[in-house]
Amino acid sequence: MSTQLYVYYRVAAAQVDDALIAFRKARVEAPIELLQRPEPSAEGEWTWMEIYPPGWTHREPQVAAAMKDFLASERKVERFEMLG
């Protein structure tokens, strides 16, 4: 089965621009998607989600290392397998 990886965490509003640059540099050519919730949390933090397609989950540690200085919460990692 093909495994997809979903990683979510919060980024402080003041660090969004720098965090986005760091993510893009770490992602390089990998087809890793980055999503953001439409509104910030009550604390003013943005929830981001990285989506790693099958065959690219090995890149998560590299991206995690690049993002560590921008986290306002822990990185939560979830793995899912395709059904059907």
PDB file of N, CA and C in Angstrom:
ATOM      1  N   MET A   1       0.835  -1.194   0.000  1.00  0.00           N
ATOM      2  CA  MET A   1       0.000   0.000   0.000  1.00  0.00           C
ATOM      3  C   MET A   1       0.873   1.249   0.000  1.00  0.00           C
ATOM      4  N   SER A   2       0.344   2.300  -0.583  1.00  0.00           N
ATOM      5  CA  SER A   2       1.051   3.578  -0.625  1.00  0.00           C
ATOM      6  C   SER A   2       0.716   4.389   0.613  1.00  0.00           C
ATOM      7  N   THR A   3       1.752   4.894   1.269  1.00  0.00           N
ATOM      8  CA  THR A   3       1.555   5.683   2.480  1.00  0.00           C
ATOM      9  C   THR A   3       1.733   7.160   2.176  1.00  0.00           C
ATOM     10  N   GLN A   4       0.790   7.959   2.658  1.00  0.00           N
ATOM     11  CA  GLN A   4       0.903   9.410   2.597  1.00  0.00           C
ATOM     12  C   GLN A   4       1.119   9.907   4.011  1.00  0.00           C
ATOM     13  N   LEU A   5       1.865  10.987   4.122  1.00  0.00           N
ATOM     14  CA  LEU A   5       2.200  11.551   5.420  1.00  0.00           C
ATOM     15  C   LEU A   5       1.559  12.935   5.532  1.00  0.00           C
ATOM     16  N   TYR A   6       0.914  13.184   6.669  1.00  0.00           N
ATOM     17  CA  TYR A   6       0.301  14.478   6.961  1.00  0.00           C
ATOM     18  C   TYR A   6       0.938  15.004   8.238  1.00  0.00           C
ATOM     19  N   VAL A   7       1.477  16.207   8.193  1.00  0.00           N
ATOM     20  CA  VAL A   7       2.143  16.802   9.344  1.00  0.00           C
ATOM     21  C   VAL A   7       1.527  18.171   9.585  1.00  0.00           C
ATOM     22  N   TYR A   8       1.068  18.416  10.823  1.00  0.00           N
ATOM     23  CA  TYR A   8       0.495  19.725  11.109  1.00  0.00           C
ATOM     24  C   TYR A   8       1.094  20.314  12.376  1.00  0.00           C
ATOM     25  N   TYR A   9       1.090  21.640  12.421  1.00  0.00           N
ATOM     26  CA  TYR A   9       1.713  22.390  13.507  1.00  0.00           C
ATOM     27  C   TYR A   9       1.280  23.844  13.382  1.00  0.00           C
ATOM     28  N   ARG A  10       1.644  24.641  14.379  1.00  0.00           N
ATOM     29  CA  ARG A  10       1.316  26.076  14.359  1.00  0.00           C
ATOM     30  C   ARG A  10       2.578  26.911  14.205  1.00  0.00           C
ATOM     31  N   VAL A  11       2.394  28.038  13.529  1.00  0.00           N
ATOM     32  CA  VAL A  11       3.461  29.008  13.306  1.00  0.00           C
ATOM     33  C   VAL A  11       2.942  30.365  13.787  1.00  0.00           C
ATOM     34  N   ALA A  12       3.763  31.096  14.550  1.00  0.00           N
ATOM     35  CA  ALA A  12       3.381  32.433  15.013  1.00  0.00           C
ATOM     36  C   ALA A  12       3.262  33.369  13.814  1.00  0.00           C
ATOM     37  N   ALA A  13       2.291  34.266  13.861  1.00  0.00           N
ATOM     38  CA  ALA A  13       2.040  35.185  12.749  1.00  0.00           C
ATOM     39  C   ALA A  13       3.287  35.970  12.357  1.00  0.00           C
ATOM     40  N   ALA A  14       4.073  36.379  13.333  1.00  0.00           N
ATOM     41  CA  ALA A  14       5.274  37.176  13.056  1.00  0.00           C
ATOM     42  C   ALA A  14       6.351  36.381  12.318  1.00  0.00           C
ATOM     43  N   GLN A  15       6.234  35.051  12.302  1.00  0.00           N
ATOM     44  CA  GLN A  15       7.258  34.219  11.671  1.00  0.00           C
ATOM     45  C   GLN A  15       6.802  33.553  10.369  1.00  0.00           C
ATOM     46  N   VAL A  16       5.601  33.857   9.928  1.00  0.00           N
ATOM     47  CA  VAL A  16       5.055  33.190   8.749  1.00  0.00           C
ATOM     48  C   VAL A  16       5.941  33.371   7.518  1.00  0.00           C
ATOM     49  N   ASP A  17       6.379  34.578   7.236  1.00  0.00           N
ATOM     50  CA  ASP A  17       7.184  34.817   6.029  1.00  0.00           C
ATOM     51  C   ASP A  17       8.494  34.029   6.067  1.00  0.00           C
ATOM     52  N   ASP A  18       9.205  34.095   7.182  1.00  0.00           N
ATOM     53  CA  ASP A  18      10.470  33.372   7.304  1.00  0.00           C
ATOM     54  C   ASP A  18      10.252  31.863   7.283  1.00  0.00           C
ATOM     55  N   ALA A  19       9.176  31.405   7.903  1.00  0.00           N
ATOM     56  CA  ALA A  19       8.877  29.974   7.916  1.00  0.00           C
ATOM     57  C   ALA A  19       8.565  29.471   6.508  1.00  0.00           C
ATOM     58  N   LEU A  20       7.860  30.260   5.726  1.00  0.00           N
ATOM     59  CA  LEU A  20       7.540  29.865   4.359  1.00  0.00           C
ATOM     60  C   LEU A  20       8.804  29.759   3.509  1.00  0.00           C
ATOM     61  N   ILE A  21       9.716  30.688   3.679  1.00  0.00           N
ATOM     62  CA  ILE A  21      10.995  30.631   2.965  1.00  0.00           C
ATOM     63  C   ILE A  21      11.763  29.368   3.364  1.00  0.00           C
ATOM     64  N   ALA A  22      11.808  29.078   4.659  1.00  0.00           N
ATOM     65  CA  ALA A  22      12.514  27.892   5.140  1.00  0.00           C
ATOM     66  C   ALA A  22      11.885  26.613   4.582  1.00  0.00           C
ATOM     67  N   PHE A  23      10.564  26.555   4.556  1.00  0.00           N
ATOM     68  CA  PHE A  23       9.881  25.379   4.006  1.00  0.00           C
ATOM     69  C   PHE A  23      10.235  25.190   2.536  1.00  0.00           C
ATOM     70  N   ARG A  24      10.156  26.253   1.772  1.00  0.00           N
ATOM     71  CA  ARG A  24      10.433  26.156   0.329  1.00  0.00           C
ATOM     72  C   ARG A  24      11.871  25.717   0.060  1.00  0.00           C
ATOM     73  N   LYS A  25      12.801  26.220   0.841  1.00  0.00           N
ATOM     74  CA  LYS A  25      14.208  25.810   0.673  1.00  0.00           C
ATOM     75  C   LYS A  25      14.394  24.341   1.020  1.00  0.00           C
ATOM     76  N   ALA A  26      13.736  23.867   2.071  1.00  0.00           N
ATOM     77  CA  ALA A  26      13.881  22.479   2.502  1.00  0.00           C
ATOM     78  C   ALA A  26      13.167  21.515   1.548  1.00  0.00           C
ATOM     79  N   ARG A  27      12.075  21.952   0.992  1.00  0.00           N
ATOM     80  CA  ARG A  27      11.292  21.096   0.089  1.00  0.00           C
ATOM     81  C   ARG A  27      12.043  20.832  -1.212  1.00  0.00           C
ATOM     82  N   VAL A  28      12.792  21.810  -1.678  1.00  0.00           N
ATOM     83  CA  VAL A  28      13.526  21.739  -2.940  1.00  0.00           C
ATOM     84  C   VAL A  28      12.548  21.355  -4.049  1.00  0.00           C
ATOM     85  N   GLU A  29      12.792  20.231  -4.739  1.00  0.00           N
ATOM     86  CA  GLU A  29      11.948  19.829  -5.857  1.00  0.00           C
ATOM     87  C   GLU A  29      10.840  18.865  -5.458  1.00  0.00           C
ATOM     88  N   ALA A  30      10.792  18.456  -4.219  1.00  0.00           N
ATOM     89  CA  ALA A  30       9.814  17.461  -3.771  1.00  0.00           C
ATOM     90  C   ALA A  30       8.385  18.005  -3.879  1.00  0.00           C
ATOM     91  N   PRO A  31       7.444  17.166  -4.316  1.00  0.00           N
ATOM     92  CA  PRO A  31       6.048  17.600  -4.450  1.00  0.00           C
ATOM     93  C   PRO A  31       5.298  17.571  -3.121  1.00  0.00           C
ATOM     94  N   ILE A  32       5.847  18.241  -2.133  1.00  0.00           N
ATOM     95  CA  ILE A  32       5.230  18.308  -0.807  1.00  0.00           C
ATOM     96  C   ILE A  32       4.331  19.540  -0.781  1.00  0.00           C
ATOM     97  N   GLU A  33       3.061  19.320  -0.475  1.00  0.00           N
ATOM     98  CA  GLU A  33       2.120  20.435  -0.416  1.00  0.00           C
ATOM     99  C   GLU A  33       2.154  21.075   0.968  1.00  0.00           C
ATOM    100  N   LEU A  34       1.883  22.373   1.012  1.00  0.00           N
ATOM    101  CA  LEU A  34       1.770  23.096   2.274  1.00  0.00           C
ATOM    102  C   LEU A  34       0.431  23.821   2.280  1.00  0.00           C
ATOM    103  N   LEU A  35      -0.384  23.512   3.279  1.00  0.00           N
ATOM    104  CA  LEU A  35      -1.702  24.132   3.419  1.00  0.00           C
ATOM    105  C   LEU A  35      -1.742  24.963   4.695  1.00  0.00           C
ATOM    106  N   GLN A  36      -2.670  25.922   4.716  1.00  0.00           N
ATOM    107  CA  GLN A  36      -2.853  26.769   5.898  1.00  0.00           C
ATOM    108  C   GLN A  36      -4.344  26.874   6.185  1.00  0.00           C
ATOM    109  N   ARG A  37      -4.704  26.827   7.455  1.00  0.00           N
ATOM    110  CA  ARG A  37      -6.109  27.048   7.811  1.00  0.00           C
ATOM    111  C   ARG A  37      -6.501  28.468   7.406  1.00  0.00           C
ATOM    112  N   PRO A  38      -7.765  28.692   7.105  1.00  0.00           N
ATOM    113  CA  PRO A  38      -8.194  30.015   6.620  1.00  0.00           C
ATOM    114  C   PRO A  38      -8.070  31.151   7.642  1.00  0.00           C
ATOM    115  N   GLU A  39      -8.127  30.808   8.921  1.00  0.00           N
ATOM    116  CA  GLU A  39      -8.018  31.829   9.961  1.00  0.00           C
ATOM    117  C   GLU A  39      -7.007  31.399  11.013  1.00  0.00           C
ATOM    118  N   PRO A  40      -6.377  32.377  11.668  1.00  0.00           N
ATOM    119  CA  PRO A  40      -5.446  32.028  12.746  1.00  0.00           C
ATOM    120  C   PRO A  40      -6.207  31.561  13.991  1.00  0.00           C
ATOM    121  N   SER A  41      -5.469  30.955  14.908  1.00  0.00           N
ATOM    122  CA  SER A  41      -6.055  30.536  16.182  1.00  0.00           C
ATOM    123  C   SER A  41      -6.355  31.772  17.027  1.00  0.00           C
ATOM    124  N   ALA A  42      -6.985  31.580  18.171  1.00  0.00           N
ATOM    125  CA  ALA A  42      -7.280  32.679  19.090  1.00  0.00           C
ATOM    126  C   ALA A  42      -5.999  33.351  19.575  1.00  0.00           C
ATOM    127  N   GLU A  43      -4.886  32.601  19.564  1.00  0.00           N
ATOM    128  CA  GLU A  43      -3.588  33.138  19.993  1.00  0.00           C
ATOM    129  C   GLU A  43      -2.849  33.839  18.854  1.00  0.00           C
ATOM    130  N   GLY A  44      -3.456  33.880  17.667  1.00  0.00           N
ATOM    131  CA  GLY A  44      -2.818  34.522  16.522  1.00  0.00           C
ATOM    132  C   GLY A  44      -1.830  33.644  15.787  1.00  0.00           C
ATOM    133  N   GLU A  45      -1.912  32.341  15.996  1.00  0.00           N
ATOM    134  CA  GLU A  45      -1.003  31.403  15.329  1.00  0.00           C
ATOM    135  C   GLU A  45      -1.720  30.750  14.146  1.00  0.00           C
ATOM    136  N   TRP A  46      -0.946  30.474  13.116  1.00  0.00           N
ATOM    137  CA  TRP A  46      -1.484  29.834  11.916  1.00  0.00           C
ATOM    138  C   TRP A  46      -1.199  28.348  11.960  1.00  0.00           C
ATOM    139  N   THR A  47      -2.194  27.541  11.635  1.00  0.00           N
ATOM    140  CA  THR A  47      -2.005  26.098  11.542  1.00  0.00           C
ATOM    141  C   THR A  47      -1.633  25.757  10.104  1.00  0.00           C
ATOM    142  N   TRP A  48      -0.508  25.082   9.968  1.00  0.00           N
ATOM    143  CA  TRP A  48      -0.029  24.631   8.660  1.00  0.00           C
ATOM    144  C   TRP A  48      -0.075  23.114   8.605  1.00  0.00           C
ATOM    145  N   MET A  49      -0.258  22.603   7.392  1.00  0.00           N
ATOM    146  CA  MET A  49      -0.214  21.162   7.180  1.00  0.00           C
ATOM    147  C   MET A  49       0.644  20.858   5.958  1.00  0.00           C
ATOM    148  N   GLU A  50       1.596  19.966   6.155  1.00  0.00           N
ATOM    149  CA  GLU A  50       2.427  19.470   5.061  1.00  0.00           C
ATOM    150  C   GLU A  50       1.838  18.129   4.626  1.00  0.00           C
ATOM    151  N   ILE A  51       1.736  17.930   3.325  1.00  0.00           N
ATOM    152  CA  ILE A  51       1.234  16.669   2.785  1.00  0.00           C
ATOM    153  C   ILE A  51       2.318  16.058   1.904  1.00  0.00           C
ATOM    154  N   TYR A  52       2.769  14.881   2.314  1.00  0.00           N
ATOM    155  CA  TYR A  52       3.835  14.160   1.611  1.00  0.00           C
ATOM    156  C   TYR A  52       3.206  13.034   0.811  1.00  0.00           C
ATOM    157  N   PRO A  53       3.323  13.056  -0.510  1.00  0.00           N
ATOM    158  CA  PRO A  53       2.746  11.970  -1.313  1.00  0.00           C
ATOM    159  C   PRO A  53       3.570  10.694  -1.191  1.00  0.00           C
ATOM    160  N   PRO A  54       3.003   9.571  -1.627  1.00  0.00           N
ATOM    161  CA  PRO A  54       3.760   8.320  -1.603  1.00  0.00           C
ATOM    162  C   PRO A  54       5.099   8.494  -2.315  1.00  0.00           C
ATOM    163  N   GLY A  55       6.114   7.912  -1.724  1.00  0.00           N
ATOM    164  CA  GLY A  55       7.444   7.983  -2.312  1.00  0.00           C
ATOM    165  C   GLY A  55       8.260   9.180  -1.862  1.00  0.00           C
ATOM    166  N   TRP A  56       7.656  10.091  -1.119  1.00  0.00           N
ATOM    167  CA  TRP A  56       8.363  11.294  -0.667  1.00  0.00           C
ATOM    168  C   TRP A  56       8.367  11.445   0.846  1.00  0.00           C
ATOM    169  N   THR A  57       7.858  10.476   1.583  1.00  0.00           N
ATOM    170  CA  THR A  57       7.789  10.593   3.043  1.00  0.00           C
ATOM    171  C   THR A  57       9.172  10.641   3.685  1.00  0.00           C
ATOM    172  N   HIS A  58      10.184  10.137   2.993  1.00  0.00           N
ATOM    173  CA  HIS A  58      11.553  10.160   3.526  1.00  0.00           C
ATOM    174  C   HIS A  58      12.099  11.582   3.669  1.00  0.00           C
ATOM    175  N   ARG A  59      11.447  12.566   3.055  1.00  0.00           N
ATOM    176  CA  ARG A  59      11.905  13.953   3.118  1.00  0.00           C
ATOM    177  C   ARG A  59      11.419  14.680   4.379  1.00  0.00           C
ATOM    178  N   GLU A  60      10.528  14.067   5.134  1.00  0.00           N
ATOM    179  CA  GLU A  60       9.974  14.738   6.320  1.00  0.00           C
ATOM    180  C   GLU A  60      11.040  15.146   7.333  1.00  0.00           C
ATOM    181  N   PRO A  61      12.032  14.331   7.664  1.00  0.00           N
ATOM    182  CA  PRO A  61      13.037  14.776   8.639  1.00  0.00           C
ATOM    183  C   PRO A  61      13.801  16.023   8.195  1.00  0.00           C
ATOM    184  N   GLN A  62      14.073  16.138   6.909  1.00  0.00           N
ATOM    185  CA  GLN A  62      14.772  17.315   6.387  1.00  0.00           C
ATOM    186  C   GLN A  62      13.915  18.574   6.550  1.00  0.00           C
ATOM    187  N   VAL A  63      12.646  18.464   6.226  1.00  0.00           N
ATOM    188  CA  VAL A  63      11.746  19.611   6.371  1.00  0.00           C
ATOM    189  C   VAL A  63      11.551  19.929   7.856  1.00  0.00           C
ATOM    190  N   ALA A  64      11.409  18.909   8.689  1.00  0.00           N
ATOM    191  CA  ALA A  64      11.239  19.124  10.136  1.00  0.00           C
ATOM    192  C   ALA A  64      12.418  19.895  10.713  1.00  0.00           C
ATOM    193  N   ALA A  65      13.626  19.537  10.304  1.00  0.00           N
ATOM    194  CA  ALA A  65      14.822  20.231  10.802  1.00  0.00           C
ATOM    195  C   ALA A  65      14.819  21.695  10.377  1.00  0.00           C
ATOM    196  N   ALA A  66      14.370  21.962   9.166  1.00  0.00           N
ATOM    197  CA  ALA A  66      14.334  23.342   8.668  1.00  0.00           C
ATOM    198  C   ALA A  66      13.266  24.179   9.362  1.00  0.00           C
ATOM    199  N   MET A  67      12.198  23.543   9.819  1.00  0.00           N
ATOM    200  CA  MET A  67      11.074  24.268  10.404  1.00  0.00           C
ATOM    201  C   MET A  67      11.155  24.410  11.929  1.00  0.00           C
ATOM    202  N   LYS A  68      12.090  23.723  12.574  1.00  0.00           N
ATOM    203  CA  LYS A  68      12.100  23.660  14.040  1.00  0.00           C
ATOM    204  C   LYS A  68      12.136  25.019  14.736  1.00  0.00           C
ATOM    205  N   ASP A  69      12.790  26.007  14.142  1.00  0.00           N
ATOM    206  CA  ASP A  69      12.888  27.321  14.778  1.00  0.00           C
ATOM    207  C   ASP A  69      11.629  28.168  14.629  1.00  0.00           C
ATOM    208  N   PHE A  70      10.668  27.697  13.847  1.00  0.00           N
ATOM    209  CA  PHE A  70       9.459  28.472  13.578  1.00  0.00           C
ATOM    210  C   PHE A  70       8.211  27.890  14.222  1.00  0.00           C
ATOM    211  N   LEU A  71       8.350  26.804  14.949  1.00  0.00           N
ATOM    212  CA  LEU A  71       7.191  26.119  15.514  1.00  0.00           C
ATOM    213  C   LEU A  71       6.652  26.811  16.756  1.00  0.00           C
ATOM    214  N   ALA A  72       5.326  26.999  16.775  1.00  0.00           N
ATOM    215  CA  ALA A  72       4.642  27.506  17.963  1.00  0.00           C
ATOM    216  C   ALA A  72       3.917  26.351  18.660  1.00  0.00           C
ATOM    217  N   SER A  73       4.029  25.145  18.085  1.00  0.00           N
ATOM    218  CA  SER A  73       3.474  23.930  18.677  1.00  0.00           C
ATOM    219  C   SER A  73       4.316  22.760  18.175  1.00  0.00           C
ATOM    220  N   GLU A  74       4.099  21.591  18.731  1.00  0.00           N
ATOM    221  CA  GLU A  74       4.848  20.433  18.242  1.00  0.00           C
ATOM    222  C   GLU A  74       4.327  20.014  16.871  1.00  0.00           C
ATOM    223  N   ARG A  75       5.177  19.353  16.098  1.00  0.00           N
ATOM    224  CA  ARG A  75       4.773  18.781  14.806  1.00  0.00           C
ATOM    225  C   ARG A  75       4.040  17.478  15.093  1.00  0.00           C
ATOM    226  N   LYS A  76       2.857  17.364  14.571  1.00  0.00           N
ATOM    227  CA  LYS A  76       2.068  16.142  14.731  1.00  0.00           C
ATOM    228  C   LYS A  76       2.071  15.409  13.393  1.00  0.00           C
ATOM    229  N   VAL A  77       2.555  14.189  13.419  1.00  0.00           N
ATOM    230  CA  VAL A  77       2.724  13.406  12.207  1.00  0.00           C
ATOM    231  C   VAL A  77       1.695  12.286  12.152  1.00  0.00           C
ATOM    232  N   GLU A  78       0.970  12.215  11.038  1.00  0.00           N
ATOM    233  CA  GLU A  78      -0.041  11.174  10.830  1.00  0.00           C
ATOM    234  C   GLU A  78       0.260  10.479   9.519  1.00  0.00           C
ATOM    235  N   ARG A  79       0.130   9.144   9.496  1.00  0.00           N
ATOM    236  CA  ARG A  79       0.324   8.370   8.278  1.00  0.00           C
ATOM    237  C   ARG A  79      -1.010   7.732   7.871  1.00  0.00           C
ATOM    238  N   PHE A  80      -1.284   7.796   6.578  1.00  0.00           N
ATOM    239  CA  PHE A  80      -2.500   7.198   6.044  1.00  0.00           C
ATOM    240  C   PHE A  80      -2.153   6.375   4.811  1.00  0.00           C
ATOM    241  N   GLU A  81      -2.907   5.295   4.607  1.00  0.00           N
ATOM    242  CA  GLU A  81      -2.738   4.450   3.432  1.00  0.00           C
ATOM    243  C   GLU A  81      -3.985   4.558   2.552  1.00  0.00           C
ATOM    244  N   MET A  82      -3.760   4.508   1.247  1.00  0.00           N
ATOM    245  CA  MET A  82      -4.841   4.604   0.276  1.00  0.00           C
ATOM    246  C   MET A  82      -5.698   3.331   0.324  1.00  0.00           C
ATOM    247  N   LEU A  83      -6.986   3.509   0.319  1.00  0.00           N
ATOM    248  CA  LEU A  83      -7.928   2.395   0.252  1.00  0.00           C
ATOM    249  C   LEU A  83      -8.614   2.438  -1.109  1.00  0.00           C
ATOM    250  N   GLY A  84      -8.858   1.298  -1.644  1.00  0.00           N
ATOM    251  CA  GLY A  84      -9.620   1.193  -2.885  1.00  0.00           C
ATOM    252  C   GLY A  84      -8.954   1.613  -4.123  1.00  0.00           C
TER     253      GLY A  84
END
